[in-house]
Amino acid sequence: MTNPIQFLKEAKNELFKVVWPKRPEILRITLAVIIISLVIAVFLGAVDFGLNKLINFVLDKQ
C-alpha cells in the first residue's frame, strides 16, 4: 500500500467523481424508506399479536 498521505489524496479525488443525489431524490428515497419501515413494523406487530393470541388460546385449552 502507498503511504497514508497518497491514500488520502486519492480518496479525496474519488469523492469528487461521485454523483451525489439531488435534494428531491433524497427526500423521495427517505420517504420510501420510512413508509416501508412502517408497513413492515405494522405487519410484524400483527403477526406477533396473532401468534400471541394463538398460543394463549392453545395453552388455555389444555
PDB file of N, CA and C in Angstrom:
ATOM      1  N   MET A   1       0.851  -1.176   0.000  1.00  0.00           N
ATOM      2  CA  MET A   1       0.000   0.000   0.000  1.00  0.00           C
ATOM      3  C   MET A   1       0.898   1.242   0.000  1.00  0.00           C
ATOM      4  N   THR A   2       0.407   2.280  -0.647  1.00  0.00           N
ATOM      5  CA  THR A   2       1.180   3.521  -0.677  1.00  0.00           C
ATOM      6  C   THR A   2       1.084   4.209   0.684  1.00  0.00           C
ATOM      7  N   ASN A   3       1.779   5.299   0.808  1.00  0.00           N
ATOM      8  CA  ASN A   3       1.769   5.982   2.108  1.00  0.00           C
ATOM      9  C   ASN A   3       0.391   6.595   2.388  1.00  0.00           C
ATOM     10  N   PRO A   4       0.108   6.881   3.661  1.00  0.00           N
ATOM     11  CA  PRO A   4      -1.227   7.378   4.043  1.00  0.00           C
ATOM     12  C   PRO A   4      -1.602   8.707   3.382  1.00  0.00           C
ATOM     13  N   ILE A   5      -0.632   9.582   3.161  1.00  0.00           N
ATOM     14  CA  ILE A   5      -0.930  10.870   2.528  1.00  0.00           C
ATOM     15  C   ILE A   5      -1.411  10.651   1.099  1.00  0.00           C
ATOM     16  N   GLN A   6      -0.747   9.776   0.380  1.00  0.00           N
ATOM     17  CA  GLN A   6      -1.143   9.460  -1.002  1.00  0.00           C
ATOM     18  C   GLN A   6      -2.544   8.846  -1.027  1.00  0.00           C
ATOM     19  N   PHE A   7      -2.811   7.964  -0.061  1.00  0.00           N
ATOM     20  CA  PHE A   7      -4.134   7.339   0.030  1.00  0.00           C
ATOM     21  C   PHE A   7      -5.224   8.397   0.230  1.00  0.00           C
ATOM     22  N   LEU A   8      -4.989   9.350   1.141  1.00  0.00           N
ATOM     23  CA  LEU A   8      -5.988  10.385   1.402  1.00  0.00           C
ATOM     24  C   LEU A   8      -6.200  11.278   0.184  1.00  0.00           C
ATOM     25  N   LYS A   9      -5.144  11.573  -0.538  1.00  0.00           N
ATOM     26  CA  LYS A   9      -5.282  12.377  -1.759  1.00  0.00           C
ATOM     27  C   LYS A   9      -6.122  11.644  -2.802  1.00  0.00           C
ATOM     28  N   GLU A  10      -5.855  10.353  -2.968  1.00  0.00           N
ATOM     29  CA  GLU A  10      -6.617   9.559  -3.941  1.00  0.00           C
ATOM     30  C   GLU A  10      -8.078   9.433  -3.512  1.00  0.00           C
ATOM     31  N   ALA A  11      -8.300   9.259  -2.214  1.00  0.00           N
ATOM     32  CA  ALA A  11      -9.680   9.161  -1.720  1.00  0.00           C
ATOM     33  C   ALA A  11     -10.432  10.467  -1.971  1.00  0.00           C
ATOM     34  N   LYS A  12      -9.773  11.594  -1.743  1.00  0.00           N
ATOM     35  CA  LYS A  12     -10.391  12.902  -1.983  1.00  0.00           C
ATOM     36  C   LYS A  12     -10.735  13.054  -3.468  1.00  0.00           C
ATOM     37  N   ASN A  13      -9.823  12.650  -4.341  1.00  0.00           N
ATOM     38  CA  ASN A  13     -10.089  12.735  -5.785  1.00  0.00           C
ATOM     39  C   ASN A  13     -11.272  11.856  -6.186  1.00  0.00           C
ATOM     40  N   GLU A  14     -11.392  10.692  -5.585  1.00  0.00           N
ATOM     41  CA  GLU A  14     -12.506   9.804  -5.903  1.00  0.00           C
ATOM     42  C   GLU A  14     -13.833  10.411  -5.446  1.00  0.00           C
ATOM     43  N   LEU A  15     -13.830  11.111  -4.317  1.00  0.00           N
ATOM     44  CA  LEU A  15     -15.068  11.731  -3.838  1.00  0.00           C
ATOM     45  C   LEU A  15     -15.574  12.802  -4.801  1.00  0.00           C
ATOM     46  N   PHE A  16     -14.676  13.455  -5.513  1.00  0.00           N
ATOM     47  CA  PHE A  16     -15.111  14.458  -6.490  1.00  0.00           C
ATOM     48  C   PHE A  16     -15.775  13.807  -7.705  1.00  0.00           C
ATOM     49  N   LYS A  17     -15.526  12.516  -7.926  1.00  0.00           N
ATOM     50  CA  LYS A  17     -16.122  11.809  -9.061  1.00  0.00           C
ATOM     51  C   LYS A  17     -17.523  11.288  -8.749  1.00  0.00           C
ATOM     52  N   VAL A  18     -17.894  11.273  -7.481  1.00  0.00           N
ATOM     53  CA  VAL A  18     -19.195  10.735  -7.076  1.00  0.00           C
ATOM     54  C   VAL A  18     -20.305  11.654  -7.564  1.00  0.00           C
ATOM     55  N   VAL A  19     -21.368  11.054  -8.089  1.00  0.00           N
ATOM     56  CA  VAL A  19     -22.548  11.819  -8.482  1.00  0.00           C
ATOM     57  C   VAL A  19     -23.501  11.794  -7.296  1.00  0.00           C
ATOM     58  N   TRP A  20     -23.527  12.893  -6.539  1.00  0.00           N
ATOM     59  CA  TRP A  20     -24.343  12.966  -5.350  1.00  0.00           C
ATOM     60  C   TRP A  20     -25.803  13.204  -5.743  1.00  0.00           C
ATOM     61  N   PRO A  21     -26.765  12.563  -5.040  1.00  0.00           N
ATOM     62  CA  PRO A  21     -28.175  12.761  -5.376  1.00  0.00           C
ATOM     63  C   PRO A  21     -28.635  14.176  -5.029  1.00  0.00           C
ATOM     64  N   LYS A  22     -29.612  14.636  -5.770  1.00  0.00           N
ATOM     65  CA  LYS A  22     -30.187  15.959  -5.523  1.00  0.00           C
ATOM     66  C   LYS A  22     -31.205  15.869  -4.382  1.00  0.00           C
ATOM     67  N   ARG A  23     -31.556  17.016  -3.842  1.00  0.00           N
ATOM     68  CA  ARG A  23     -32.457  17.076  -2.685  1.00  0.00           C
ATOM     69  C   ARG A  23     -33.796  16.360  -2.927  1.00  0.00           C
ATOM     70  N   PRO A  24     -34.460  16.550  -4.075  1.00  0.00           N
ATOM     71  CA  PRO A  24     -35.748  15.854  -4.275  1.00  0.00           C
ATOM     72  C   PRO A  24     -35.598  14.327  -4.252  1.00  0.00           C
ATOM     73  N   GLU A  25     -34.508  13.844  -4.803  1.00  0.00           N
ATOM     74  CA  GLU A  25     -34.285  12.397  -4.811  1.00  0.00           C
ATOM     75  C   GLU A  25     -34.031  11.883  -3.387  1.00  0.00           C
ATOM     76  N   ILE A  26     -33.280  12.628  -2.606  1.00  0.00           N
ATOM     77  CA  ILE A  26     -33.019  12.232  -1.221  1.00  0.00           C
ATOM     78  C   ILE A  26     -34.326  12.182  -0.438  1.00  0.00           C
ATOM     79  N   LEU A  27     -35.171  13.199  -0.608  1.00  0.00           N
ATOM     80  CA  LEU A  27     -36.449  13.235   0.104  1.00  0.00           C
ATOM     81  C   LEU A  27     -37.357  12.083  -0.319  1.00  0.00           C
ATOM     82  N   ARG A  28     -37.390  11.802  -1.620  1.00  0.00           N
ATOM     83  CA  ARG A  28     -38.234  10.706  -2.128  1.00  0.00           C
ATOM     84  C   ARG A  28     -37.774   9.360  -1.571  1.00  0.00           C
ATOM     85  N   ILE A  29     -36.484   9.120  -1.581  1.00  0.00           N
ATOM     86  CA  ILE A  29     -35.956   7.843  -1.092  1.00  0.00           C
ATOM     87  C   ILE A  29     -36.154   7.728   0.421  1.00  0.00           C
ATOM     88  N   THR A  30     -35.938   8.831   1.132  1.00  0.00           N
ATOM     89  CA  THR A  30     -36.137   8.820   2.582  1.00  0.00           C
ATOM     90  C   THR A  30     -37.587   8.516   2.920  1.00  0.00           C
ATOM     91  N   LEU A  31     -38.512   9.141   2.204  1.00  0.00           N
ATOM     92  CA  LEU A  31     -39.932   8.877   2.432  1.00  0.00           C
ATOM     93  C   LEU A  31     -40.265   7.416   2.141  1.00  0.00           C
ATOM     94  N   ALA A  32     -39.699   6.863   1.090  1.00  0.00           N
ATOM     95  CA  ALA A  32     -39.937   5.456   0.757  1.00  0.00           C
ATOM     96  C   ALA A  32     -39.431   4.545   1.870  1.00  0.00           C
ATOM     97  N   VAL A  33     -38.267   4.835   2.411  1.00  0.00           N
ATOM     98  CA  VAL A  33     -37.706   4.020   3.493  1.00  0.00           C
ATOM     99  C   VAL A  33     -38.590   4.097   4.733  1.00  0.00           C
ATOM    100  N   ILE A  34     -39.073   5.292   5.061  1.00  0.00           N
ATOM    101  CA  ILE A  34     -39.936   5.446   6.233  1.00  0.00           C
ATOM    102  C   ILE A  34     -41.235   4.675   6.044  1.00  0.00           C
ATOM    103  N   ILE A  35     -41.841   4.794   4.874  1.00  0.00           N
ATOM    104  CA  ILE A  35     -43.109   4.096   4.613  1.00  0.00           C
ATOM    105  C   ILE A  35     -42.917   2.584   4.658  1.00  0.00           C
ATOM    106  N   ILE A  36     -41.880   2.086   4.011  1.00  0.00           N
ATOM    107  CA  ILE A  36     -41.624   0.642   4.011  1.00  0.00           C
ATOM    108  C   ILE A  36     -41.362   0.150   5.427  1.00  0.00           C
ATOM    109  N   SER A  37     -40.612   0.928   6.212  1.00  0.00           N
ATOM    110  CA  SER A  37     -40.338   0.543   7.605  1.00  0.00           C
ATOM    111  C   SER A  37     -41.625   0.470   8.417  1.00  0.00           C
ATOM    112  N   LEU A  38     -42.515   1.448   8.224  1.00  0.00           N
ATOM    113  CA  LEU A  38     -43.786   1.441   8.953  1.00  0.00           C
ATOM    114  C   LEU A  38     -44.655   0.256   8.548  1.00  0.00           C
ATOM    115  N   VAL A  39     -44.704  -0.044   7.261  1.00  0.00           N
ATOM    116  CA  VAL A  39     -45.505  -1.179   6.787  1.00  0.00           C
ATOM    117  C   VAL A  39     -44.974  -2.487   7.384  1.00  0.00           C
ATOM    118  N   ILE A  40     -43.670  -2.663   7.377  1.00  0.00           N
ATOM    119  CA  ILE A  40     -43.081  -3.881   7.947  1.00  0.00           C
ATOM    120  C   ILE A  40     -43.331  -3.946   9.450  1.00  0.00           C
ATOM    121  N   ALA A  41     -43.226  -2.801  10.132  1.00  0.00           N
ATOM    122  CA  ALA A  41     -43.467  -2.778  11.578  1.00  0.00           C
ATOM    123  C   ALA A  41     -44.911  -3.168  11.896  1.00  0.00           C
ATOM    124  N   VAL A  42     -45.864  -2.639  11.130  1.00  0.00           N
ATOM    125  CA  VAL A  42     -47.273  -2.984  11.352  1.00  0.00           C
ATOM    126  C   VAL A  42     -47.503  -4.468  11.065  1.00  0.00           C
ATOM    127  N   PHE A  43     -46.915  -4.971   9.983  1.00  0.00           N
ATOM    128  CA  PHE A  43     -47.072  -6.392   9.643  1.00  0.00           C
ATOM    129  C   PHE A  43     -46.509  -7.282  10.747  1.00  0.00           C
ATOM    130  N   LEU A  44     -45.282  -6.986  11.191  1.00  0.00           N
ATOM    131  CA  LEU A  44     -44.674  -7.812  12.232  1.00  0.00           C
ATOM    132  C   LEU A  44     -45.430  -7.694  13.550  1.00  0.00           C
ATOM    133  N   GLY A  45     -45.949  -6.504  13.851  1.00  0.00           N
ATOM    134  CA  GLY A  45     -46.768  -6.340  15.045  1.00  0.00           C
ATOM    135  C   GLY A  45     -48.034  -7.173  14.972  1.00  0.00           C
ATOM    136  N   ALA A  46     -48.661  -7.211  13.803  1.00  0.00           N
ATOM    137  CA  ALA A  46     -49.877  -8.009  13.627  1.00  0.00           C
ATOM    138  C   ALA A  46     -49.574  -9.505  13.745  1.00  0.00           C
ATOM    139  N   VAL A  47     -48.480  -9.940  13.163  1.00  0.00           N
ATOM    140  CA  VAL A  47     -48.092 -11.353  13.273  1.00  0.00           C
ATOM    141  C   VAL A  47     -47.805 -11.703  14.729  1.00  0.00           C
ATOM    142  N   ASP A  48     -47.081 -10.855  15.426  1.00  0.00           N
ATOM    143  CA  ASP A  48     -46.775 -11.081  16.834  1.00  0.00           C
ATOM    144  C   ASP A  48     -48.056 -11.159  17.666  1.00  0.00           C
ATOM    145  N   PHE A  49     -48.966 -10.220  17.425  1.00  0.00           N
ATOM    146  CA  PHE A  49     -50.233 -10.214  18.151  1.00  0.00           C
ATOM    147  C   PHE A  49     -51.023 -11.493  17.876  1.00  0.00           C
ATOM    148  N   GLY A  50     -51.108 -11.874  16.601  1.00  0.00           N
ATOM    149  CA  GLY A  50     -51.848 -13.080  16.233  1.00  0.00           C
ATOM    150  C   GLY A  50     -51.244 -14.343  16.827  1.00  0.00           C
ATOM    151  N   LEU A  51     -49.938 -14.475  16.761  1.00  0.00           N
ATOM    152  CA  LEU A  51     -49.291 -15.659  17.328  1.00  0.00           C
ATOM    153  C   LEU A  51     -49.438 -15.694  18.851  1.00  0.00           C
ATOM    154  N   ASN A  52     -49.382 -14.540  19.468  1.00  0.00           N
ATOM    155  CA  ASN A  52     -49.575 -14.462  20.918  1.00  0.00           C
ATOM    156  C   ASN A  52     -50.974 -14.948  21.292  1.00  0.00           C
ATOM    157  N   LYS A  53     -51.968 -14.470  20.550  1.00  0.00           N
ATOM    158  CA  LYS A  53     -53.349 -14.904  20.810  1.00  0.00           C
ATOM    159  C   LYS A  53     -53.507 -16.402  20.564  1.00  0.00           C
ATOM    160  N   LEU A  54     -52.895 -16.911  19.490  1.00  0.00           N
ATOM    161  CA  LEU A  54     -52.985 -18.334  19.167  1.00  0.00           C
ATOM    162  C   LEU A  54     -52.348 -19.187  20.257  1.00  0.00           C
ATOM    163  N   ILE A  55     -51.182 -18.800  20.715  1.00  0.00           N
ATOM    164  CA  ILE A  55     -50.502 -19.568  21.764  1.00  0.00           C
ATOM    165  C   ILE A  55     -51.306 -19.536  23.058  1.00  0.00           C
ATOM    166  N   ASN A  56     -51.830 -18.369  23.410  1.00  0.00           N
ATOM    167  CA  ASN A  56     -52.654 -18.290  24.616  1.00  0.00           C
ATOM    168  C   ASN A  56     -53.911 -19.136  24.480  1.00  0.00           C
ATOM    169  N   PHE A  57     -54.515 -19.166  23.300  1.00  0.00           N
ATOM    170  CA  PHE A  57     -55.701 -19.973  23.064  1.00  0.00           C
ATOM    171  C   PHE A  57     -55.388 -21.470  23.220  1.00  0.00           C
ATOM    172  N   VAL A  58     -54.264 -21.909  22.622  1.00  0.00           N
ATOM    173  CA  VAL A  58     -53.880 -23.315  22.686  1.00  0.00           C
ATOM    174  C   VAL A  58     -53.521 -23.706  24.110  1.00  0.00           C
ATOM    175  N   LEU A  59     -52.795 -22.873  24.813  1.00  0.00           N
ATOM    176  CA  LEU A  59     -52.370 -23.214  26.177  1.00  0.00           C
ATOM    177  C   LEU A  59     -53.541 -23.187  27.155  1.00  0.00           C
ATOM    178  N   ASP A  60     -54.516 -22.331  26.940  1.00  0.00           N
ATOM    179  CA  ASP A  60     -55.681 -22.274  27.823  1.00  0.00           C
ATOM    180  C   ASP A  60     -56.594 -23.466  27.634  1.00  0.00           C
ATOM    181  N   LYS A  61     -56.555 -24.109  26.468  1.00  0.00           N
ATOM    182  CA  LYS A  61     -57.407 -25.263  26.186  1.00  0.00           C
ATOM    183  C   LYS A  61     -56.955 -26.496  26.969  1.00  0.00           C
ATOM    184  N   GLN A  62     -55.691 -26.576  27.315  1.00  0.00           N
ATOM    185  CA  GLN A  62     -55.183 -27.797  27.966  1.00  0.00           C
ATOM    186  C   GLN A  62     -55.522 -27.843  29.389  1.00  0.00           C
TER     187      GLN A  62
END
